[in-house]
Amino acid sequence: SFEAAEVAEVAEMTARLREDIAGLIPAVEALTRALPKDDVPRACAL
């Protein structure tokens, strides 16, 4: 479904997602610290 004109848009979205992922990593990691070591949601998040 992506045409040649939209390839640049895909590149932009990928770059944006890289930044978003890089920003979410420390945020999610901080939330896992508050959970017990044997917590299943913590293990999934890690």
All heavy atoms as atom14 arrays in JSON, in Angstrom:
{
  "sequence": "SFEAAEVAEVAEMTARLREDIAGLIPAVEALTRALPKDDVPRACAL",
  "atom14_mask": [
    [1, 1, 1, 1, 1, 1, 0, 0, 0, 0, 0, 0, 0, 0],
    [1, 1, 1, 1, 1, 1, 1, 1, 1, 1, 1, 0, 0, 0],
    [1, 1, 1, 1, 1, 1, 1, 1, 1, 0, 0, 0, 0, 0],
    [1, 1, 1, 1, 1, 0, 0, 0, 0, 0, 0, 0, 0, 0],
    [1, 1, 1, 1, 1, 0, 0, 0, 0, 0, 0, 0, 0, 0],
    [1, 1, 1, 1, 1, 1, 1, 1, 1, 0, 0, 0, 0, 0],
    [1, 1, 1, 1, 1, 1, 1, 0, 0, 0, 0, 0, 0, 0],
    [1, 1, 1, 1, 1, 0, 0, 0, 0, 0, 0, 0, 0, 0],
    [1, 1, 1, 1, 1, 1, 1, 1, 1, 0, 0, 0, 0, 0],
    [1, 1, 1, 1, 1, 1, 1, 0, 0, 0, 0, 0, 0, 0],
    [1, 1, 1, 1, 1, 0, 0, 0, 0, 0, 0, 0, 0, 0],
    [1, 1, 1, 1, 1, 1, 1, 1, 1, 0, 0, 0, 0, 0],
    [1, 1, 1, 1, 1, 1, 1, 1, 0, 0, 0, 0, 0, 0],
    [1, 1, 1, 1, 1, 1, 1, 0, 0, 0, 0, 0, 0, 0],
    [1, 1, 1, 1, 1, 0, 0, 0, 0, 0, 0, 0, 0, 0],
    [1, 1, 1, 1, 1, 1, 1, 1, 1, 1, 1, 0, 0, 0],
    [1, 1, 1, 1, 1, 1, 1, 1, 0, 0, 0, 0, 0, 0],
    [1, 1, 1, 1, 1, 1, 1, 1, 1, 1, 1, 0, 0, 0],
    [1, 1, 1, 1, 1, 1, 1, 1, 1, 0, 0, 0, 0, 0],
    [1, 1, 1, 1, 1, 1, 1, 1, 0, 0, 0, 0, 0, 0],
    [1, 1, 1, 1, 1, 1, 1, 1, 0, 0, 0, 0, 0, 0],
    [1, 1, 1, 1, 1, 0, 0, 0, 0, 0, 0, 0, 0, 0],
    [1, 1, 1, 1, 0, 0, 0, 0, 0, 0, 0, 0, 0, 0],
    [1, 1, 1, 1, 1, 1, 1, 1, 0, 0, 0, 0, 0, 0],
    [1, 1, 1, 1, 1, 1, 1, 1, 0, 0, 0, 0, 0, 0],
    [1, 1, 1, 1, 1, 1, 1, 0, 0, 0, 0, 0, 0, 0],
    [1, 1, 1, 1, 1, 0, 0, 0, 0, 0, 0, 0, 0, 0],
    [1, 1, 1, 1, 1, 1, 1, 0, 0, 0, 0, 0, 0, 0],
    [1, 1, 1, 1, 1, 1, 1, 1, 1, 0, 0, 0, 0, 0],
    [1, 1, 1, 1, 1, 0, 0, 0, 0, 0, 0, 0, 0, 0],
    [1, 1, 1, 1, 1, 1, 1, 1, 0, 0, 0, 0, 0, 0],
    [1, 1, 1, 1, 1, 1, 1, 0, 0, 0, 0, 0, 0, 0],
    [1, 1, 1, 1, 1, 1, 1, 1, 1, 1, 1, 0, 0, 0],
    [1, 1, 1, 1, 1, 0, 0, 0, 0, 0, 0, 0, 0, 0],
    [1, 1, 1, 1, 1, 1, 1, 1, 0, 0, 0, 0, 0, 0],
    [1, 1, 1, 1, 1, 1, 1, 0, 0, 0, 0, 0, 0, 0],
    [1, 1, 1, 1, 1, 1, 1, 1, 1, 0, 0, 0, 0, 0],
    [1, 1, 1, 1, 1, 1, 1, 1, 0, 0, 0, 0, 0, 0],
    [1, 1, 1, 1, 1, 1, 1, 1, 0, 0, 0, 0, 0, 0],
    [1, 1, 1, 1, 1, 1, 1, 0, 0, 0, 0, 0, 0, 0],
    [1, 1, 1, 1, 1, 1, 1, 0, 0, 0, 0, 0, 0, 0],
    [1, 1, 1, 1, 1, 1, 1, 1, 1, 1, 1, 0, 0, 0],
    [1, 1, 1, 1, 1, 0, 0, 0, 0, 0, 0, 0, 0, 0],
    [1, 1, 1, 1, 1, 1, 0, 0, 0, 0, 0, 0, 0, 0],
    [1, 1, 1, 1, 1, 0, 0, 0, 0, 0, 0, 0, 0, 0],
    [1, 1, 1, 1, 1, 1, 1, 1, 0, 0, 0, 0, 0, 0]
  ],
  "atom14_positions": [
    [[0.8, -1.22, 0.0], [0.0, 0.0, 0.0], [0.84, 1.28, 0.0], [0.33, 2.34, -0.32], [-0.96, 0.0, 1.19], [-0.24, 0.16, 2.39], [0.0, 0.0, 0.0], [0.0, 0.0, 0.0], [0.0, 0.0, 0.0], [0.0, 0.0, 0.0], [0.0, 0.0, 0.0], [0.0, 0.0, 0.0], [0.0, 0.0, 0.0], [0.0, 0.0, 0.0]],
    [[2.11, 1.18, 0.36], [2.95, 2.36, 0.38], [3.53, 2.61, -1.0], [4.14, 1.75, -1.6], [4.09, 2.23, 1.4], [3.66, 2.61, 2.78], [3.18, 1.67, 3.65], [3.73, 3.92, 3.19], [2.77, 2.01, 4.91], [3.33, 4.29, 4.46], [2.85, 3.33, 5.32], [0.0, 0.0, 0.0], [0.0, 0.0, 0.0], [0.0, 0.0, 0.0]],
    [[3.32, 3.81, -1.5], [3.86, 4.2, -2.79], [5.2, 4.9, -2.57], [5.57, 5.21, -1.44], [2.88, 5.11, -3.51], [1.56, 4.41, -3.82], [0.57, 5.33, -4.49], [0.97, 6.4, -4.96], [-0.61, 4.96, -4.53], [0.0, 0.0, 0.0], [0.0, 0.0, 0.0], [0.0, 0.0, 0.0], [0.0, 0.0, 0.0], [0.0, 0.0, 0.0]],
    [[5.9, 5.15, -3.64], [7.23, 5.76, -3.55], [7.2, 7.08, -2.79], [8.11, 7.38, -2.03], [7.8, 5.96, -4.95], [0.0, 0.0, 0.0], [0.0, 0.0, 0.0], [0.0, 0.0, 0.0], [0.0, 0.0, 0.0], [0.0, 0.0, 0.0], [0.0, 0.0, 0.0], [0.0, 0.0, 0.0], [0.0, 0.0, 0.0], [0.0, 0.0, 0.0]],
    [[6.16, 7.87, -2.97], [6.07, 9.17, -2.29], [5.94, 9.0, -0.78], [6.35, 9.87, -0.02], [4.87, 9.95, -2.82], [0.0, 0.0, 0.0], [0.0, 0.0, 0.0], [0.0, 0.0, 0.0], [0.0, 0.0, 0.0], [0.0, 0.0, 0.0], [0.0, 0.0, 0.0], [0.0, 0.0, 0.0], [0.0, 0.0, 0.0], [0.0, 0.0, 0.0]],
    [[5.4, 7.88, -0.35], [5.19, 7.66, 1.08], [6.4, 7.04, 1.77], [6.42, 6.94, 2.99], [3.97, 6.76, 1.29], [2.67, 7.43, 0.86], [1.5, 6.49, 0.98], [1.54, 5.42, 0.35], [0.55, 6.83, 1.71], [0.0, 0.0, 0.0], [0.0, 0.0, 0.0], [0.0, 0.0, 0.0], [0.0, 0.0, 0.0], [0.0, 0.0, 0.0]],
    [[7.4, 6.63, 1.02], [8.59, 6.03, 1.6], [9.28, 7.03, 2.53], [9.75, 6.67, 3.6], [9.54, 5.51, 0.5], [10.87, 5.09, 1.08], [8.89, 4.36, -0.24], [0.0, 0.0, 0.0], [0.0, 0.0, 0.0], [0.0, 0.0, 0.0], [0.0, 0.0, 0.0], [0.0, 0.0, 0.0], [0.0, 0.0, 0.0], [0.0, 0.0, 0.0]],
    [[9.31, 8.28, 2.14], [9.9, 9.32, 3.0], [9.11, 9.45, 4.29], [9.68, 9.66, 5.36], [9.95, 10.65, 2.27], [0.0, 0.0, 0.0], [0.0, 0.0, 0.0], [0.0, 0.0, 0.0], [0.0, 0.0, 0.0], [0.0, 0.0, 0.0], [0.0, 0.0, 0.0], [0.0, 0.0, 0.0], [0.0, 0.0, 0.0], [0.0, 0.0, 0.0]],
    [[7.78, 9.33, 4.19], [6.94, 9.39, 5.39], [7.24, 8.21, 6.32], [7.28, 8.37, 7.54], [5.46, 9.39, 4.98], [4.52, 9.53, 6.17], [3.06, 9.44, 5.77], [2.75, 9.23, 4.58], [2.23, 9.55, 6.69], [0.0, 0.0, 0.0], [0.0, 0.0, 0.0], [0.0, 0.0, 0.0], [0.0, 0.0, 0.0], [0.0, 0.0, 0.0]],
    [[7.46, 7.03, 5.75], [7.82, 5.86, 6.56], [9.13, 6.11, 7.28], [9.26, 5.81, 8.47], [7.9, 4.58, 5.68], [8.52, 3.44, 6.45], [6.53, 4.2, 5.16], [0.0, 0.0, 0.0], [0.0, 0.0, 0.0], [0.0, 0.0, 0.0], [0.0, 0.0, 0.0], [0.0, 0.0, 0.0], [0.0, 0.0, 0.0], [0.0, 0.0, 0.0]],
    [[10.09, 6.7, 6.59], [11.38, 7.02, 7.21], [11.2, 8.0, 8.37], [11.81, 7.85, 9.43], [12.35, 7.58, 6.18], [0.0, 0.0, 0.0], [0.0, 0.0, 0.0], [0.0, 0.0, 0.0], [0.0, 0.0, 0.0], [0.0, 0.0, 0.0], [0.0, 0.0, 0.0], [0.0, 0.0, 0.0], [0.0, 0.0, 0.0], [0.0, 0.0, 0.0]],
    [[10.35, 9.0, 8.17], [10.06, 9.97, 9.25], [9.4, 9.29, 10.44], [9.76, 9.55, 11.59], [9.13, 11.07, 8.74], [9.8, 12.16, 7.97], [8.79, 13.23, 7.54], [7.84, 13.51, 8.3], [8.96, 13.75, 6.43], [0.0, 0.0, 0.0], [0.0, 0.0, 0.0], [0.0, 0.0, 0.0], [0.0, 0.0, 0.0], [0.0, 0.0, 0.0]],
    [[8.41, 8.45, 10.16], [7.71, 7.75, 11.25], [8.66, 6.81, 11.99], [8.6, 6.71, 13.21], [6.5, 6.99, 10.71], [5.35, 7.89, 10.31], [3.84, 6.98, 9.91], [4.24, 6.33, 8.3], [0.0, 0.0, 0.0], [0.0, 0.0, 0.0], [0.0, 0.0, 0.0], [0.0, 0.0, 0.0], [0.0, 0.0, 0.0], [0.0, 0.0, 0.0]],
    [[9.54, 6.15, 11.26], [10.51, 5.27, 11.9], [11.43, 6.05, 12.81], [11.69, 5.64, 13.95], [11.33, 4.5, 10.84], [10.44, 3.79, 9.99], [12.29, 3.52, 11.48], [0.0, 0.0, 0.0], [0.0, 0.0, 0.0], [0.0, 0.0, 0.0], [0.0, 0.0, 0.0], [0.0, 0.0, 0.0], [0.0, 0.0, 0.0], [0.0, 0.0, 0.0]],
    [[11.91, 7.19, 12.34], [12.78, 8.03, 13.16], [12.05, 8.52, 14.41], [12.6, 8.51, 15.51], [13.28, 9.22, 12.34], [0.0, 0.0, 0.0], [0.0, 0.0, 0.0], [0.0, 0.0, 0.0], [0.0, 0.0, 0.0], [0.0, 0.0, 0.0], [0.0, 0.0, 0.0], [0.0, 0.0, 0.0], [0.0, 0.0, 0.0], [0.0, 0.0, 0.0]],
    [[10.78, 8.9, 14.23], [9.97, 9.35, 15.38], [9.78, 8.21, 16.37], [9.89, 8.39, 17.59], [8.63, 9.87, 14.89], [7.83, 10.58, 15.96], [6.55, 11.23, 15.42], [6.72, 11.79, 14.1], [5.93, 11.51, 13.05], [4.92, 10.67, 13.18], [6.13, 12.06, 11.88], [0.0, 0.0, 0.0], [0.0, 0.0, 0.0], [0.0, 0.0, 0.0]],
    [[9.51, 7.0, 15.85], [9.32, 5.85, 16.74], [10.61, 5.5, 17.47], [10.57, 5.11, 18.64], [8.79, 4.65, 15.96], [7.32, 4.74, 15.56], [6.97, 3.63, 14.58], [6.41, 4.7, 16.78], [0.0, 0.0, 0.0], [0.0, 0.0, 0.0], [0.0, 0.0, 0.0], [0.0, 0.0, 0.0], [0.0, 0.0, 0.0], [0.0, 0.0, 0.0]],
    [[11.74, 5.65, 16.81], [13.02, 5.41, 17.5], [13.16, 6.34, 18.69], [13.56, 5.93, 19.77], [14.2, 5.63, 16.54], [14.46, 4.52, 15.59], [15.74, 4.8, 14.78], [15.88, 3.89, 13.68], [16.36, 2.65, 13.78], [16.75, 2.2, 14.94], [16.45, 1.88, 12.71], [0.0, 0.0, 0.0], [0.0, 0.0, 0.0], [0.0, 0.0, 0.0]],
    [[12.82, 7.61, 18.48], [12.89, 8.58, 19.58], [11.89, 8.23, 20.68], [12.2, 8.33, 21.87], [12.61, 9.99, 19.05], [13.7, 10.52, 18.15], [13.32, 11.85, 17.51], [12.3, 12.47, 17.93], [14.04, 12.27, 16.59], [0.0, 0.0, 0.0], [0.0, 0.0, 0.0], [0.0, 0.0, 0.0], [0.0, 0.0, 0.0], [0.0, 0.0, 0.0]],
    [[10.68, 7.85, 20.28], [9.66, 7.49, 21.25], [10.08, 6.27, 22.07], [9.92, 6.24, 23.3], [8.32, 7.19, 20.56], [7.71, 8.43, 19.93], [8.1, 9.55, 20.29], [6.83, 8.26, 19.06], [0.0, 0.0, 0.0], [0.0, 0.0, 0.0], [0.0, 0.0, 0.0], [0.0, 0.0, 0.0], [0.0, 0.0, 0.0], [0.0, 0.0, 0.0]],
    [[10.63, 5.28, 21.41], [11.1, 4.07, 22.1], [12.22, 4.43, 23.06], [12.22, 4.0, 24.22], [11.55, 3.0, 21.09], [10.33, 2.44, 20.35], [12.33, 1.88, 21.77], [10.66, 1.59, 19.14], [0.0, 0.0, 0.0], [0.0, 0.0, 0.0], [0.0, 0.0, 0.0], [0.0, 0.0, 0.0], [0.0, 0.0, 0.0], [0.0, 0.0, 0.0]],
    [[13.15, 5.26, 22.6], [14.26, 5.69, 23.45], [13.75, 6.46, 24.67], [14.33, 6.38, 25.76], [15.24, 6.54, 22.66], [0.0, 0.0, 0.0], [0.0, 0.0, 0.0], [0.0, 0.0, 0.0], [0.0, 0.0, 0.0], [0.0, 0.0, 0.0], [0.0, 0.0, 0.0], [0.0, 0.0, 0.0], [0.0, 0.0, 0.0], [0.0, 0.0, 0.0]],
    [[12.65, 7.19, 24.53], [12.08, 7.91, 25.66], [11.26, 7.01, 26.59], [11.21, 7.24, 27.8], [0.0, 0.0, 0.0], [0.0, 0.0, 0.0], [0.0, 0.0, 0.0], [0.0, 0.0, 0.0], [0.0, 0.0, 0.0], [0.0, 0.0, 0.0], [0.0, 0.0, 0.0], [0.0, 0.0, 0.0], [0.0, 0.0, 0.0], [0.0, 0.0, 0.0]],
    [[10.64, 6.0, 26.02], [9.82, 5.09, 26.83], [10.66, 4.09, 27.62], [10.24, 3.65, 28.69], [8.82, 4.33, 25.95], [7.58, 5.11, 25.57], [6.82, 4.41, 24.44], [6.68, 5.3, 26.78], [0.0, 0.0, 0.0], [0.0, 0.0, 0.0], [0.0, 0.0, 0.0], [0.0, 0.0, 0.0], [0.0, 0.0, 0.0], [0.0, 0.0, 0.0]],
    [[11.83, 3.74, 27.11], [12.66, 2.75, 27.81], [12.95, 3.16, 29.25], [12.65, 2.41, 30.17], [13.96, 2.45, 27.02], [13.63, 1.59, 25.8], [15.0, 1.76, 27.89], [14.8, 1.38, 24.85], [0.0, 0.0, 0.0], [0.0, 0.0, 0.0], [0.0, 0.0, 0.0], [0.0, 0.0, 0.0], [0.0, 0.0, 0.0], [0.0, 0.0, 0.0]],
    [[13.5, 4.35, 29.5], [13.77, 4.7, 30.9], [12.49, 4.89, 31.73], [12.48, 4.61, 32.93], [14.57, 6.0, 30.82], [14.38, 6.51, 29.45], [14.0, 5.36, 28.58], [0.0, 0.0, 0.0], [0.0, 0.0, 0.0], [0.0, 0.0, 0.0], [0.0, 0.0, 0.0], [0.0, 0.0, 0.0], [0.0, 0.0, 0.0], [0.0, 0.0, 0.0]],
    [[11.41, 5.32, 31.09], [10.15, 5.51, 31.83], [9.59, 4.17, 32.29], [9.17, 4.03, 33.46], [9.14, 6.24, 30.94], [0.0, 0.0, 0.0], [0.0, 0.0, 0.0], [0.0, 0.0, 0.0], [0.0, 0.0, 0.0], [0.0, 0.0, 0.0], [0.0, 0.0, 0.0], [0.0, 0.0, 0.0], [0.0, 0.0, 0.0], [0.0, 0.0, 0.0]],
    [[9.57, 3.19, 31.41], [9.06, 1.86, 31.78], [10.0, 1.21, 32.78], [9.57, 0.59, 33.75], [8.85, 0.98, 30.52], [8.52, -0.45, 30.91], [7.75, 1.56, 29.64], [0.0, 0.0, 0.0], [0.0, 0.0, 0.0], [0.0, 0.0, 0.0], [0.0, 0.0, 0.0], [0.0, 0.0, 0.0], [0.0, 0.0, 0.0], [0.0, 0.0, 0.0]],
    [[11.28, 1.38, 32.56], [12.27, 0.8, 33.48], [12.08, 1.36, 34.9], [12.16, 0.62, 35.87], [13.67, 1.11, 32.97], [14.73, 0.21, 33.51], [16.0, 0.32, 32.69], [16.43, 1.46, 32.36], [16.55, -0.73, 32.36], [0.0, 0.0, 0.0], [0.0, 0.0, 0.0], [0.0, 0.0, 0.0], [0.0, 0.0, 0.0], [0.0, 0.0, 0.0]],
    [[11.81, 2.65, 34.99], [11.59, 3.26, 36.31], [10.35, 2.68, 36.98], [10.34, 2.46, 38.19], [11.46, 4.78, 36.16], [0.0, 0.0, 0.0], [0.0, 0.0, 0.0], [0.0, 0.0, 0.0], [0.0, 0.0, 0.0], [0.0, 0.0, 0.0], [0.0, 0.0, 0.0], [0.0, 0.0, 0.0], [0.0, 0.0, 0.0], [0.0, 0.0, 0.0]],
    [[9.32, 2.42, 36.19], [8.1, 1.84, 36.75], [8.32, 0.41, 37.24], [7.68, -0.03, 38.19], [6.97, 1.87, 35.72], [6.42, 3.25, 35.38], [5.5, 3.19, 34.17], [5.7, 3.86, 36.58], [0.0, 0.0, 0.0], [0.0, 0.0, 0.0], [0.0, 0.0, 0.0], [0.0, 0.0, 0.0], [0.0, 0.0, 0.0], [0.0, 0.0, 0.0]],
    [[9.22, -0.32, 36.6], [9.47, -1.71, 37.02], [10.21, -1.76, 38.35], [10.08, -2.75, 39.08], [10.3, -2.5, 35.97], [11.59, -1.91, 35.85], [9.59, -2.55, 34.65], [0.0, 0.0, 0.0], [0.0, 0.0, 0.0], [0.0, 0.0, 0.0], [0.0, 0.0, 0.0], [0.0, 0.0, 0.0], [0.0, 0.0, 0.0], [0.0, 0.0, 0.0]],
    [[10.96, -0.73, 38.68], [11.73, -0.73, 39.93], [10.83, -0.75, 41.16], [11.25, -1.21, 42.22], [12.65, 0.49, 39.98], [13.8, 0.37, 39.03], [14.84, 1.46, 39.26], [15.64, 1.58, 38.05], [15.61, 2.59, 37.22], [14.84, 3.63, 37.46], [16.36, 2.6, 36.14], [0.0, 0.0, 0.0], [0.0, 0.0, 0.0], [0.0, 0.0, 0.0]],
    [[9.62, -0.26, 41.02], [8.71, -0.21, 42.16], [8.02, -1.55, 42.41], [7.35, -1.72, 43.42], [7.65, 0.86, 41.92], [0.0, 0.0, 0.0], [0.0, 0.0, 0.0], [0.0, 0.0, 0.0], [0.0, 0.0, 0.0], [0.0, 0.0, 0.0], [0.0, 0.0, 0.0], [0.0, 0.0, 0.0], [0.0, 0.0, 0.0], [0.0, 0.0, 0.0]],
    [[8.2, -2.49, 41.51], [7.52, -3.79, 41.62], [8.43, -4.84, 42.23], [9.66, -4.77, 42.11], [7.07, -4.24, 40.22], [6.11, -3.3, 39.52], [5.88, -3.76, 38.09], [4.79, -3.21, 40.26], [0.0, 0.0, 0.0], [0.0, 0.0, 0.0], [0.0, 0.0, 0.0], [0.0, 0.0, 0.0], [0.0, 0.0, 0.0], [0.0, 0.0, 0.0]],
    [[7.83, -5.85, 42.88], [8.63, -6.94, 43.45], [9.39, -7.69, 42.35], [8.94, -7.75, 41.21], [7.59, -7.86, 44.1], [6.33, -7.09, 44.15], [6.4, -6.0, 43.15], [0.0, 0.0, 0.0], [0.0, 0.0, 0.0], [0.0, 0.0, 0.0], [0.0, 0.0, 0.0], [0.0, 0.0, 0.0], [0.0, 0.0, 0.0], [0.0, 0.0, 0.0]],
    [[10.51, -8.27, 42.71], [11.36, -8.98, 41.74], [10.64, -10.13, 41.06], [10.92, -10.44, 39.91], [12.62, -9.51, 42.44], [13.47, -8.44, 43.05], [14.42, -7.87, 42.04], [15.4, -6.95, 42.75], [15.74, -5.8, 41.98], [0.0, 0.0, 0.0], [0.0, 0.0, 0.0], [0.0, 0.0, 0.0], [0.0, 0.0, 0.0], [0.0, 0.0, 0.0]],
    [[9.71, -10.79, 41.75], [9.03, -11.95, 41.18], [7.68, -11.59, 40.55], [6.89, -12.48, 40.23], [8.85, -13.03, 42.24], [7.99, -12.57, 43.42], [7.74, -11.35, 43.55], [7.57, -13.43, 44.22], [0.0, 0.0, 0.0], [0.0, 0.0, 0.0], [0.0, 0.0, 0.0], [0.0, 0.0, 0.0], [0.0, 0.0, 0.0], [0.0, 0.0, 0.0]],
    [[7.42, -10.33, 40.33], [6.16, -9.88, 39.74], [6.12, -10.21, 38.25], [7.05, -9.89, 37.51], [6.03, -8.36, 39.96], [4.66, -7.84, 39.61], [3.69, -8.29, 40.24], [4.58, -6.98, 38.71], [0.0, 0.0, 0.0], [0.0, 0.0, 0.0], [0.0, 0.0, 0.0], [0.0, 0.0, 0.0], [0.0, 0.0, 0.0], [0.0, 0.0, 0.0]],
    [[5.05, -10.84, 37.79], [4.93, -11.24, 36.39], [4.87, -10.03, 35.45], [5.59, -10.0, 34.44], [3.74, -12.19, 36.18], [3.52, -12.47, 34.7], [3.96, -13.49, 36.94], [0.0, 0.0, 0.0], [0.0, 0.0, 0.0], [0.0, 0.0, 0.0], [0.0, 0.0, 0.0], [0.0, 0.0, 0.0], [0.0, 0.0, 0.0], [0.0, 0.0, 0.0]],
    [[4.05, -9.01, 35.71], [4.06, -7.83, 34.83], [5.44, -7.18, 34.73], [5.84, -6.68, 33.68], [3.04, -6.89, 35.45], [2.11, -7.8, 36.18], [2.98, -8.9, 36.71], [0.0, 0.0, 0.0], [0.0, 0.0, 0.0], [0.0, 0.0, 0.0], [0.0, 0.0, 0.0], [0.0, 0.0, 0.0], [0.0, 0.0, 0.0], [0.0, 0.0, 0.0]],
    [[6.19, -7.21, 35.83], [7.55, -6.66, 35.82], [8.43, -7.46, 34.88], [9.16, -6.9, 34.06], [8.14, -6.68, 37.23], [9.56, -6.17, 37.31], [10.1, -6.3, 38.75], [11.41, -5.7, 38.85], [12.56, -6.35, 38.64], [12.54, -7.63, 38.32], [13.71, -5.73, 38.75], [0.0, 0.0, 0.0], [0.0, 0.0, 0.0], [0.0, 0.0, 0.0]],
    [[8.35, -8.77, 34.96], [9.16, -9.64, 34.09], [8.8, -9.41, 32.62], [9.68, -9.36, 31.76], [8.96, -11.09, 34.48], [0.0, 0.0, 0.0], [0.0, 0.0, 0.0], [0.0, 0.0, 0.0], [0.0, 0.0, 0.0], [0.0, 0.0, 0.0], [0.0, 0.0, 0.0], [0.0, 0.0, 0.0], [0.0, 0.0, 0.0], [0.0, 0.0, 0.0]],
    [[7.51, -9.28, 32.34], [7.07, -9.02, 30.96], [7.6, -7.69, 30.45], [8.08, -7.58, 29.32], [5.56, -9.06, 30.88], [4.85, -10.68, 31.13], [0.0, 0.0, 0.0], [0.0, 0.0, 0.0], [0.0, 0.0, 0.0], [0.0, 0.0, 0.0], [0.0, 0.0, 0.0], [0.0, 0.0, 0.0], [0.0, 0.0, 0.0], [0.0, 0.0, 0.0]],
    [[7.53, -6.68, 31.31], [8.02, -5.35, 30.92], [9.53, -5.38, 30.69], [10.03, -4.78, 29.73], [7.66, -4.33, 31.98], [0.0, 0.0, 0.0], [0.0, 0.0, 0.0], [0.0, 0.0, 0.0], [0.0, 0.0, 0.0], [0.0, 0.0, 0.0], [0.0, 0.0, 0.0], [0.0, 0.0, 0.0], [0.0, 0.0, 0.0], [0.0, 0.0, 0.0]],
    [[10.27, -6.09, 31.53], [11.72, -6.18, 31.36], [12.08, -6.9, 30.06], [13.03, -6.52, 29.37], [12.36, -6.87, 32.56], [12.34, -6.06, 33.87], [12.88, -6.9, 35.02], [13.11, -4.76, 33.72], [0.0, 0.0, 0.0], [0.0, 0.0, 0.0], [0.0, 0.0, 0.0], [0.0, 0.0, 0.0], [0.0, 0.0, 0.0], [0.0, 0.0, 0.0]]
  ]
}
